[in-house]
């Protein structure tokens, strides 16, 4: 049968009889679609012929089966992609992140060791400089103290020389011995 309304007059027509309730349902469909009854009927027959659907099957098992098959194909495709791409990519990313973590840990350990060594060396240098400064300060004090001691020694020596020169022939040996003992005592107290 042709769906063209112009050619329908030339065709041999068949009739189908159905009850009033079915006629009302068909009228509603025709109004809803805005087509003629003959065209809607022809399109319904073509639809069932092409889709191979059973009009009694309200659940549309063929459609469900087709959807399930397509769904299974998609799931199979996804699983294949998961096996071929996703799992290896995930494993590779895990390996890379573990490698990066190990590199960072080693780097941090080496940096921390290096920083500790640098800090220890700086502390050792600071201590050495502190000790050097202390020694230099003591040497300086020693030099100052040596200079002062020399000055005092020179003062004691000059004092001894003046006192000895002041002695005459008549000075007793006891006075000479006292002067020597006093001079030695002053030198000892330096």
N, C-alpha and C. Protein backbone atom coordinates (compact mmCIF):
# COMPACT_ATOMS: atom_id res chain seq x y z
N UNK A 1 0.83 -1.19 0.00
CA UNK A 1 0.00 0.00 0.00
C UNK A 1 0.86 1.24 0.00
N UNK A 2 0.41 2.24 -0.63
CA UNK A 2 1.14 3.49 -0.70
C UNK A 2 0.60 4.44 0.32
N UNK A 3 1.48 5.29 0.86
CA UNK A 3 1.06 6.29 1.85
C UNK A 3 0.68 7.60 1.21
N UNK A 4 0.76 7.67 -0.09
CA UNK A 4 0.45 8.90 -0.81
C UNK A 4 -1.07 9.00 -0.98
N UNK A 5 -1.72 10.10 -0.49
CA UNK A 5 -3.18 10.20 -0.55
C UNK A 5 -3.71 10.31 -1.98
N UNK A 6 -2.94 10.81 -2.91
CA UNK A 6 -3.39 10.98 -4.30
C UNK A 6 -3.54 9.61 -4.96
N UNK A 7 -2.61 8.70 -4.70
CA UNK A 7 -2.62 7.38 -5.32
C UNK A 7 -3.62 6.44 -4.66
N UNK A 8 -4.16 6.78 -3.53
CA UNK A 8 -5.07 5.88 -2.82
C UNK A 8 -6.37 5.67 -3.59
N UNK A 9 -6.80 6.60 -4.39
CA UNK A 9 -8.03 6.46 -5.17
C UNK A 9 -7.85 5.44 -6.28
N UNK A 10 -6.68 5.36 -6.82
CA UNK A 10 -6.42 4.45 -7.92
C UNK A 10 -6.21 3.02 -7.43
N UNK A 11 -5.88 2.86 -6.17
CA UNK A 11 -5.61 1.53 -5.62
C UNK A 11 -6.92 0.83 -5.29
N UNK A 12 -6.79 -0.47 -5.21
CA UNK A 12 -7.94 -1.24 -4.78
C UNK A 12 -7.98 -1.16 -3.27
N UNK A 13 -9.09 -0.81 -2.71
CA UNK A 13 -9.20 -0.60 -1.29
C UNK A 13 -9.82 -1.83 -0.64
N UNK A 14 -9.30 -2.08 0.62
CA UNK A 14 -9.87 -3.14 1.42
C UNK A 14 -10.51 -2.50 2.63
N UNK A 15 -11.43 -3.18 3.23
CA UNK A 15 -12.09 -2.63 4.40
C UNK A 15 -11.84 -3.53 5.59
N UNK A 16 -11.81 -2.89 6.71
CA UNK A 16 -11.67 -3.61 7.99
C UNK A 16 -12.79 -3.08 8.87
N UNK A 17 -13.44 -4.00 9.55
CA UNK A 17 -14.49 -3.58 10.46
C UNK A 17 -13.98 -3.74 11.87
N UNK A 18 -14.26 -2.74 12.74
CA UNK A 18 -13.87 -2.79 14.14
C UNK A 18 -14.95 -2.12 14.96
N UNK A 19 -14.91 -2.33 16.26
CA UNK A 19 -15.99 -1.83 17.13
C UNK A 19 -15.88 -0.34 17.36
N UNK A 20 -16.91 0.20 17.97
CA UNK A 20 -17.01 1.65 18.18
C UNK A 20 -15.93 2.15 19.11
N UNK A 21 -15.57 1.40 20.13
CA UNK A 21 -14.52 1.81 21.09
C UNK A 21 -13.17 1.96 20.38
N UNK A 22 -12.83 1.05 19.50
CA UNK A 22 -11.59 1.12 18.72
C UNK A 22 -11.65 2.30 17.77
N UNK A 23 -12.84 2.56 17.20
CA UNK A 23 -13.00 3.70 16.30
C UNK A 23 -12.75 5.01 17.05
N UNK A 24 -13.21 5.10 18.30
CA UNK A 24 -12.98 6.31 19.12
C UNK A 24 -11.48 6.49 19.39
N UNK A 25 -10.82 5.39 19.70
CA UNK A 25 -9.37 5.46 19.96
C UNK A 25 -8.63 5.92 18.71
N UNK A 26 -9.03 5.38 17.55
CA UNK A 26 -8.40 5.76 16.29
C UNK A 26 -8.67 7.24 15.99
N UNK A 27 -9.88 7.70 16.28
CA UNK A 27 -10.21 9.11 16.07
C UNK A 27 -9.32 10.01 16.93
N UNK A 28 -9.09 9.63 18.18
CA UNK A 28 -8.21 10.42 19.06
C UNK A 28 -6.78 10.48 18.51
N UNK A 29 -6.30 9.35 18.04
CA UNK A 29 -4.93 9.30 17.47
C UNK A 29 -4.86 10.20 16.24
N UNK A 30 -5.89 10.12 15.38
CA UNK A 30 -5.93 10.92 14.16
C UNK A 30 -5.93 12.40 14.51
N UNK A 31 -6.73 12.80 15.50
CA UNK A 31 -6.78 14.21 15.91
C UNK A 31 -5.42 14.65 16.48
N UNK A 32 -4.85 13.79 17.27
CA UNK A 32 -3.56 14.13 17.89
C UNK A 32 -2.47 14.29 16.84
N UNK A 33 -2.42 13.41 15.85
CA UNK A 33 -1.37 13.45 14.83
C UNK A 33 -1.71 14.41 13.68
N UNK A 34 -2.99 14.72 13.51
CA UNK A 34 -3.39 15.63 12.44
C UNK A 34 -3.29 15.00 11.06
N UNK A 35 -3.60 13.72 10.95
CA UNK A 35 -3.54 13.00 9.67
C UNK A 35 -4.89 12.31 9.44
N UNK A 36 -5.02 11.78 8.25
CA UNK A 36 -6.27 11.06 7.94
C UNK A 36 -6.23 9.68 8.56
N UNK A 37 -7.43 9.07 8.71
CA UNK A 37 -7.51 7.73 9.31
C UNK A 37 -6.78 6.71 8.44
N UNK A 38 -6.95 6.82 7.15
CA UNK A 38 -6.33 5.86 6.24
C UNK A 38 -4.81 5.97 6.33
N UNK A 39 -4.28 7.21 6.40
CA UNK A 39 -2.83 7.43 6.48
C UNK A 39 -2.28 6.90 7.81
N UNK A 40 -2.97 7.18 8.90
CA UNK A 40 -2.52 6.68 10.21
C UNK A 40 -2.53 5.17 10.23
N UNK A 41 -3.60 4.55 9.67
CA UNK A 41 -3.67 3.09 9.64
C UNK A 41 -2.54 2.51 8.81
N UNK A 42 -2.28 3.10 7.66
CA UNK A 42 -1.21 2.63 6.78
C UNK A 42 0.15 2.76 7.49
N UNK A 43 0.35 3.85 8.18
CA UNK A 43 1.63 4.06 8.90
C UNK A 43 1.77 3.07 10.05
N UNK A 44 0.65 2.72 10.72
CA UNK A 44 0.71 1.74 11.81
C UNK A 44 1.11 0.37 11.25
N UNK A 45 0.54 -0.01 10.15
CA UNK A 45 0.88 -1.31 9.55
C UNK A 45 2.35 -1.32 9.13
N UNK A 46 2.81 -0.24 8.49
CA UNK A 46 4.22 -0.15 8.08
C UNK A 46 5.14 -0.24 9.31
N UNK A 47 4.76 0.43 10.37
CA UNK A 47 5.57 0.43 11.59
C UNK A 47 5.71 -1.00 12.13
N UNK A 48 4.60 -1.70 12.28
CA UNK A 48 4.67 -3.06 12.82
C UNK A 48 5.38 -4.01 11.85
N UNK A 49 5.24 -3.74 10.55
CA UNK A 49 5.90 -4.59 9.56
C UNK A 49 7.42 -4.41 9.63
N UNK A 50 7.87 -3.15 9.68
CA UNK A 50 9.32 -2.89 9.70
C UNK A 50 9.95 -3.24 11.04
N UNK A 51 9.31 -2.96 12.16
CA UNK A 51 9.92 -3.19 13.47
C UNK A 51 9.75 -4.62 13.95
N UNK A 52 8.89 -5.38 13.26
CA UNK A 52 8.63 -6.78 13.63
C UNK A 52 8.18 -6.90 15.07
N UNK A 53 7.45 -5.93 15.52
CA UNK A 53 6.93 -5.94 16.88
C UNK A 53 5.56 -6.60 16.88
N UNK A 54 5.28 -7.22 18.01
CA UNK A 54 3.98 -7.83 18.21
C UNK A 54 3.10 -6.80 18.90
N UNK A 55 1.95 -6.42 18.32
CA UNK A 55 1.09 -5.42 18.95
C UNK A 55 0.57 -5.85 20.32
N UNK A 56 0.56 -7.14 20.60
CA UNK A 56 0.12 -7.61 21.92
C UNK A 56 1.19 -7.43 22.99
N UNK A 57 2.44 -7.23 22.56
CA UNK A 57 3.55 -7.09 23.50
C UNK A 57 3.65 -5.63 23.95
N UNK A 58 2.97 -5.33 25.05
CA UNK A 58 2.98 -3.96 25.55
C UNK A 58 4.33 -3.58 26.15
N UNK A 59 5.06 -4.54 26.65
CA UNK A 59 6.36 -4.26 27.28
C UNK A 59 7.46 -4.11 26.24
N UNK A 60 7.18 -4.44 25.03
CA UNK A 60 8.11 -4.27 23.92
C UNK A 60 9.43 -5.01 24.17
N UNK A 61 9.33 -6.34 24.24
CA UNK A 61 10.48 -7.20 24.53
C UNK A 61 11.59 -7.05 23.49
N UNK A 62 11.21 -6.87 22.22
CA UNK A 62 12.24 -6.71 21.19
C UNK A 62 13.10 -5.49 21.48
N UNK A 63 12.44 -4.40 21.86
CA UNK A 63 13.17 -3.17 22.18
C UNK A 63 14.06 -3.39 23.39
N UNK A 64 13.49 -4.07 24.41
CA UNK A 64 14.30 -4.35 25.61
C UNK A 64 15.51 -5.20 25.25
N UNK A 65 15.27 -6.25 24.46
CA UNK A 65 16.38 -7.13 24.08
C UNK A 65 17.44 -6.37 23.30
N UNK A 66 16.98 -5.50 22.39
CA UNK A 66 17.93 -4.71 21.61
C UNK A 66 18.72 -3.77 22.53
N UNK A 67 18.03 -3.14 23.48
CA UNK A 67 18.73 -2.25 24.42
C UNK A 67 19.71 -3.02 25.29
N UNK A 68 19.31 -4.22 25.75
CA UNK A 68 20.21 -5.03 26.57
C UNK A 68 21.45 -5.43 25.78
N UNK A 69 21.23 -5.83 24.49
CA UNK A 69 22.38 -6.20 23.66
C UNK A 69 23.32 -5.01 23.46
N UNK A 70 22.73 -3.85 23.17
CA UNK A 70 23.57 -2.65 23.01
C UNK A 70 24.28 -2.31 24.31
N UNK A 71 23.55 -2.44 25.41
CA UNK A 71 24.15 -2.15 26.72
C UNK A 71 25.32 -3.10 26.99
N UNK A 72 25.13 -4.36 26.68
CA UNK A 72 26.20 -5.34 26.87
C UNK A 72 27.39 -5.02 25.97
N UNK A 73 27.11 -4.58 24.74
CA UNK A 73 28.20 -4.19 23.84
C UNK A 73 28.98 -3.02 24.43
N UNK A 74 28.24 -2.03 24.95
CA UNK A 74 28.91 -0.87 25.54
C UNK A 74 29.73 -1.28 26.76
N UNK A 75 29.17 -2.13 27.59
CA UNK A 75 29.90 -2.59 28.78
C UNK A 75 31.14 -3.37 28.36
N UNK A 76 30.99 -4.22 27.33
CA UNK A 76 32.15 -4.96 26.82
C UNK A 76 33.22 -4.01 26.30
N UNK A 77 32.78 -2.98 25.58
CA UNK A 77 33.72 -1.98 25.06
C UNK A 77 34.43 -1.27 26.22
N UNK A 78 33.65 -0.88 27.23
CA UNK A 78 34.24 -0.17 28.37
C UNK A 78 35.22 -1.08 29.11
N UNK A 79 34.85 -2.35 29.29
CA UNK A 79 35.77 -3.28 29.97
C UNK A 79 37.05 -3.48 29.16
N UNK A 80 36.89 -3.58 27.82
CA UNK A 80 38.08 -3.72 26.98
C UNK A 80 38.96 -2.48 27.10
N UNK A 81 38.34 -1.30 27.09
CA UNK A 81 39.11 -0.07 27.24
C UNK A 81 39.76 -0.01 28.61
N UNK A 82 39.03 -0.49 29.61
CA UNK A 82 39.59 -0.50 30.97
C UNK A 82 40.82 -1.39 31.03
N UNK A 83 40.71 -2.58 30.40
CA UNK A 83 41.85 -3.50 30.39
C UNK A 83 43.02 -2.94 29.58
N UNK A 84 42.69 -2.32 28.42
CA UNK A 84 43.76 -1.87 27.52
C UNK A 84 44.35 -0.53 27.94
N UNK A 85 43.52 0.37 28.46
CA UNK A 85 43.98 1.73 28.69
C UNK A 85 43.96 2.15 30.16
N UNK A 86 42.80 2.00 30.80
CA UNK A 86 42.64 2.58 32.13
C UNK A 86 43.51 1.91 33.19
N UNK A 87 43.49 0.59 33.23
CA UNK A 87 44.28 -0.10 34.25
C UNK A 87 45.78 0.13 34.04
N UNK A 88 46.30 -0.03 32.78
CA UNK A 88 47.73 0.28 32.59
C UNK A 88 48.06 1.75 32.90
N UNK A 89 47.16 2.66 32.53
CA UNK A 89 47.41 4.08 32.82
C UNK A 89 47.42 4.31 34.33
N UNK A 90 46.48 3.68 35.03
CA UNK A 90 46.44 3.83 36.49
C UNK A 90 47.70 3.24 37.12
N UNK A 91 48.12 2.08 36.64
CA UNK A 91 49.33 1.46 37.19
C UNK A 91 50.55 2.34 36.91
N UNK A 92 50.61 2.89 35.71
CA UNK A 92 51.74 3.76 35.34
C UNK A 92 51.74 5.02 36.20
N UNK A 93 50.55 5.60 36.41
CA UNK A 93 50.46 6.79 37.26
C UNK A 93 50.87 6.46 38.70
N UNK A 94 50.46 5.29 39.18
CA UNK A 94 50.87 4.88 40.53
C UNK A 94 52.38 4.72 40.60
N UNK A 95 52.96 4.10 39.56
CA UNK A 95 54.41 3.92 39.53
C UNK A 95 55.12 5.28 39.48
N UNK A 96 54.60 6.20 38.67
CA UNK A 96 55.20 7.53 38.55
C UNK A 96 55.09 8.28 39.86
N UNK A 97 53.91 8.22 40.49
CA UNK A 97 53.75 8.95 41.76
C UNK A 97 54.63 8.34 42.85
N UNK A 98 54.80 7.02 42.85
CA UNK A 98 55.69 6.39 43.82
C UNK A 98 57.14 6.81 43.56
N UNK A 99 57.51 6.84 42.28
CA UNK A 99 58.86 7.28 41.91
C UNK A 99 59.08 8.73 42.33
N UNK A 100 58.10 9.59 42.08
CA UNK A 100 58.21 10.99 42.48
C UNK A 100 58.32 11.11 44.00
N UNK A 101 57.53 10.29 44.73
CA UNK A 101 57.59 10.33 46.19
C UNK A 101 58.98 9.92 46.68
N UNK A 102 59.55 8.88 46.05
CA UNK A 102 60.88 8.44 46.44
C UNK A 102 61.92 9.53 46.13
N UNK A 103 61.78 10.16 44.97
CA UNK A 103 62.72 11.24 44.61
C UNK A 103 62.62 12.38 45.62
N UNK A 104 61.40 12.75 45.97
CA UNK A 104 61.20 13.85 46.93
C UNK A 104 61.75 13.45 48.29
N UNK A 105 61.49 12.19 48.72
CA UNK A 105 62.03 11.75 50.00
C UNK A 105 63.56 11.79 50.00
N UNK A 106 64.17 11.28 48.93
CA UNK A 106 65.64 11.29 48.85
C UNK A 106 66.16 12.72 48.81
N UNK A 107 65.51 13.55 48.03
CA UNK A 107 65.91 14.95 47.94
C UNK A 107 65.81 15.62 49.31
N UNK A 108 64.67 15.39 49.97
CA UNK A 108 64.50 15.98 51.31
C UNK A 108 65.55 15.47 52.28
N UNK A 109 65.84 14.15 52.23
CA UNK A 109 66.86 13.59 53.13
C UNK A 109 68.22 14.21 52.85
N UNK A 110 68.58 14.30 51.56
CA UNK A 110 69.87 14.87 51.21
C UNK A 110 69.94 16.35 51.58
N UNK A 111 68.87 17.07 51.33
CA UNK A 111 68.86 18.50 51.67
C UNK A 111 68.95 18.67 53.18
N UNK A 112 68.20 17.83 53.91
CA UNK A 112 68.25 17.92 55.38
C UNK A 112 69.65 17.58 55.90
N UNK A 113 70.26 16.53 55.32
CA UNK A 113 71.63 16.18 55.74
C UNK A 113 72.59 17.32 55.41
N UNK A 114 72.47 17.85 54.20
CA UNK A 114 73.34 18.95 53.80
C UNK A 114 73.13 20.16 54.70
N UNK A 115 71.87 20.48 54.96
CA UNK A 115 71.58 21.62 55.85
C UNK A 115 72.14 21.39 57.24
N UNK A 116 72.03 20.15 57.75
CA UNK A 116 72.58 19.83 59.06
C UNK A 116 74.10 19.98 59.05
N UNK A 117 74.73 19.49 57.96
CA UNK A 117 76.19 19.62 57.85
C UNK A 117 76.61 21.08 57.79
N UNK A 118 75.90 21.86 56.98
CA UNK A 118 76.22 23.29 56.86
C UNK A 118 76.05 23.97 58.22
N UNK A 119 74.95 23.65 58.91
CA UNK A 119 74.70 24.26 60.22
C UNK A 119 75.78 23.85 61.22
N UNK A 120 76.16 22.57 61.20
CA UNK A 120 77.23 22.11 62.10
C UNK A 120 78.54 22.81 61.78
N UNK A 121 78.85 22.92 60.48
CA UNK A 121 80.09 23.61 60.08
C UNK A 121 80.05 25.08 60.48
N UNK A 122 78.90 25.72 60.31
CA UNK A 122 78.79 27.12 60.71
C UNK A 122 78.96 27.26 62.23
N UNK A 123 78.36 26.32 62.96
CA UNK A 123 78.51 26.37 64.43
C UNK A 123 79.96 26.13 64.82
N UNK A 124 80.62 25.17 64.13
CA UNK A 124 82.03 24.89 64.43
C UNK A 124 82.89 26.13 64.12
N UNK A 125 82.60 26.77 62.97
CA UNK A 125 83.35 27.99 62.62
C UNK A 125 83.08 29.11 63.62
N UNK A 126 81.83 29.23 64.02
CA UNK A 126 81.50 30.28 65.01
C UNK A 126 82.23 30.00 66.32
N UNK A 127 82.25 28.73 66.72
CA UNK A 127 82.98 28.38 67.96
C UNK A 127 84.48 28.65 67.79
N UNK A 128 85.01 28.26 66.62
CA UNK A 128 86.45 28.48 66.38
C UNK A 128 86.76 29.97 66.38
N UNK A 129 85.90 30.77 65.74
CA UNK A 129 86.12 32.22 65.75
C UNK A 129 86.00 32.77 67.16
N UNK A 130 85.05 32.23 67.92
CA UNK A 130 84.90 32.67 69.31
C UNK A 130 86.14 32.34 70.13
N UNK A 131 86.64 31.11 69.94
CA UNK A 131 87.86 30.71 70.66
C UNK A 131 89.05 31.54 70.21
N UNK A 132 89.13 31.79 68.89
CA UNK A 132 90.23 32.62 68.38
C UNK A 132 90.17 34.02 68.97
N UNK A 133 88.96 34.56 69.04
CA UNK A 133 88.80 35.90 69.62
C UNK A 133 89.22 35.91 71.08
N UNK A 134 88.83 34.83 71.81
CA UNK A 134 89.22 34.74 73.22
C UNK A 134 90.73 34.66 73.36
N UNK A 135 91.36 33.82 72.51
CA UNK A 135 92.83 33.68 72.57
C UNK A 135 93.50 35.00 72.21
N UNK A 136 93.00 35.65 71.15
CA UNK A 136 93.57 36.95 70.78
C UNK A 136 93.39 37.97 71.90
N UNK A 137 92.24 37.93 72.55
CA UNK A 137 92.00 38.85 73.67
C UNK A 137 92.99 38.58 74.81
N UNK A 138 93.21 37.27 75.08
CA UNK A 138 94.17 36.93 76.14
C UNK A 138 95.59 37.33 75.75
N UNK A 139 95.92 37.11 74.46
CA UNK A 139 97.25 37.51 74.00
C UNK A 139 97.42 39.02 74.14
N UNK A 140 96.37 39.74 73.75
CA UNK A 140 96.40 41.19 73.87
C UNK A 140 96.53 41.60 75.33
N UNK A 141 95.78 40.95 76.17
CA UNK A 141 95.90 41.25 77.60
C UNK A 141 97.30 40.91 78.09
N UNK A 142 97.81 39.74 77.59
CA UNK A 142 99.16 39.34 77.98
C UNK A 142 100.19 40.36 77.51
N UNK A 143 100.02 40.86 76.27
CA UNK A 143 100.94 41.87 75.77
C UNK A 143 100.86 43.14 76.61
N UNK A 144 99.61 43.52 76.90
CA UNK A 144 99.44 44.71 77.74
C UNK A 144 100.03 44.48 79.12
N UNK A 145 99.76 43.31 79.63
CA UNK A 145 100.28 42.98 80.96
C UNK A 145 101.80 42.86 80.93
N UNK A 146 102.35 42.32 79.82
CA UNK A 146 103.80 42.21 79.68
C UNK A 146 104.43 43.60 79.60
N UNK A 147 103.77 44.48 78.85
CA UNK A 147 104.27 45.85 78.76
C UNK A 147 104.25 46.51 80.14
N UNK A 148 103.14 46.28 80.85
CA UNK A 148 103.05 46.87 82.20
C UNK A 148 104.12 46.26 83.11
N UNK A 149 104.34 44.93 82.96
CA UNK A 149 105.34 44.27 83.80
C UNK A 149 106.73 44.80 83.48
N UNK A 150 107.01 44.99 82.19
CA UNK A 150 108.30 45.55 81.81
C UNK A 150 108.48 46.94 82.43
N UNK A 151 107.42 47.73 82.36
CA UNK A 151 107.50 49.08 82.92
C UNK A 151 107.76 49.01 84.43
N UNK A 152 107.07 48.09 85.10
CA UNK A 152 107.27 47.95 86.55
C UNK A 152 108.68 47.43 86.85
N UNK A 153 109.13 46.48 86.01
CA UNK A 153 110.47 45.95 86.23
C UNK A 153 111.51 47.04 86.04
N UNK A 154 111.30 47.82 84.97
CA UNK A 154 112.24 48.94 84.75
C UNK A 154 112.20 49.89 85.95
N UNK A 155 111.01 50.17 86.48
CA UNK A 155 110.89 51.05 87.65
C UNK A 155 111.64 50.46 88.85
N UNK A 156 111.47 49.13 89.09
CA UNK A 156 112.16 48.48 90.22
C UNK A 156 113.67 48.52 90.00
N UNK A 157 114.10 48.23 88.76
CA UNK A 157 115.53 48.23 88.44
C UNK A 157 116.13 49.62 88.65
N UNK A 158 115.42 50.61 88.14
CA UNK A 158 115.93 51.99 88.31
C UNK A 158 115.99 52.36 89.80
N UNK A 159 114.99 51.92 90.52
CA UNK A 159 114.96 52.20 91.96
C UNK A 159 116.15 51.51 92.65
N UNK A 160 116.44 50.27 92.27
CA UNK A 160 117.57 49.53 92.82
C UNK A 160 118.89 50.23 92.48
N UNK A 161 118.99 50.62 91.17
CA UNK A 161 120.23 51.28 90.75
C UNK A 161 120.42 52.59 91.53
N UNK A 162 119.41 53.39 91.70
CA UNK A 162 119.53 54.66 92.45
C UNK A 162 119.93 54.40 93.90
N UNK A 163 119.25 53.40 94.46
CA UNK A 163 119.58 53.11 95.87
C UNK A 163 121.00 52.59 95.99
N UNK A 164 121.46 51.77 95.12
CA UNK A 164 122.81 51.24 95.17
C UNK A 164 123.84 52.35 94.93
N UNK A 165 123.46 53.22 93.95
CA UNK A 165 124.38 54.33 93.69
C UNK A 165 124.45 55.28 94.91
N UNK A 166 123.40 55.32 95.67
CA UNK A 166 123.36 56.20 96.83
C UNK A 166 124.24 55.63 97.95
N UNK A 167 124.51 54.35 97.88
CA UNK A 167 125.39 53.77 98.91
C UNK A 167 126.80 54.30 98.72
N UNK A 168 127.39 54.45 99.79
CA UNK A 168 128.79 54.89 99.75
C UNK A 168 129.67 53.77 100.24
N UNK A 169 130.84 54.10 100.53
CA UNK A 169 131.81 53.13 101.02
C UNK A 169 131.45 52.68 102.40
N UNK A 170 130.75 53.45 103.06
CA UNK A 170 130.49 53.18 104.45
C UNK A 170 129.19 52.41 104.64
N UNK A 171 128.51 52.10 103.62
CA UNK A 171 127.23 51.40 103.76
C UNK A 171 127.53 49.99 104.21
N UNK A 172 126.72 49.56 105.13
CA UNK A 172 126.96 48.23 105.70
C UNK A 172 126.47 47.15 104.74
N UNK A 173 127.01 46.00 104.89
CA UNK A 173 126.63 44.86 104.06
C UNK A 173 125.17 44.51 104.34
N UNK A 174 124.76 44.77 105.56
CA UNK A 174 123.37 44.48 105.93
C UNK A 174 122.42 45.33 105.11
N UNK A 175 122.68 46.58 104.90
CA UNK A 175 121.83 47.46 104.09
C UNK A 175 121.83 47.00 102.64
N UNK A 176 123.02 46.57 102.18
CA UNK A 176 123.09 46.08 100.81
C UNK A 176 122.23 44.81 100.65
N UNK A 177 122.29 43.95 101.66
CA UNK A 177 121.49 42.71 101.63
C UNK A 177 120.01 43.04 101.72
N UNK A 178 119.62 43.99 102.49
CA UNK A 178 118.21 44.40 102.60
C UNK A 178 117.71 44.95 101.27
N UNK A 179 118.55 45.77 100.61
CA UNK A 179 118.17 46.33 99.31
C UNK A 179 117.98 45.21 98.30
N UNK A 180 118.88 44.24 98.28
CA UNK A 180 118.78 43.12 97.34
C UNK A 180 117.52 42.31 97.65
N UNK A 181 117.25 42.05 98.93
CA UNK A 181 116.07 41.27 99.32
C UNK A 181 114.79 42.01 98.96
N UNK A 182 114.76 43.33 99.17
CA UNK A 182 113.58 44.15 98.82
C UNK A 182 113.36 44.14 97.32
N UNK A 183 114.42 44.27 96.56
CA UNK A 183 114.31 44.29 95.09
C UNK A 183 113.79 42.94 94.60
N UNK A 184 114.35 41.84 95.16
CA UNK A 184 113.87 40.50 94.76
C UNK A 184 112.40 40.30 95.11
N UNK A 185 111.98 40.81 96.26
CA UNK A 185 110.59 40.69 96.68
C UNK A 185 109.66 41.46 95.74
N UNK A 186 110.10 42.66 95.34
CA UNK A 186 109.29 43.46 94.42
C UNK A 186 109.19 42.77 93.07
N UNK A 187 110.30 42.15 92.61
CA UNK A 187 110.28 41.44 91.32
C UNK A 187 109.38 40.22 91.44
N UNK A 188 109.46 39.53 92.55
CA UNK A 188 108.61 38.34 92.75
C UNK A 188 107.12 38.70 92.76
N UNK A 189 106.76 39.85 93.23
CA UNK A 189 105.36 40.29 93.30
C UNK A 189 104.80 40.72 91.93
N UNK A 190 105.68 40.87 90.94
CA UNK A 190 105.20 41.27 89.60
C UNK A 190 104.26 40.29 89.05
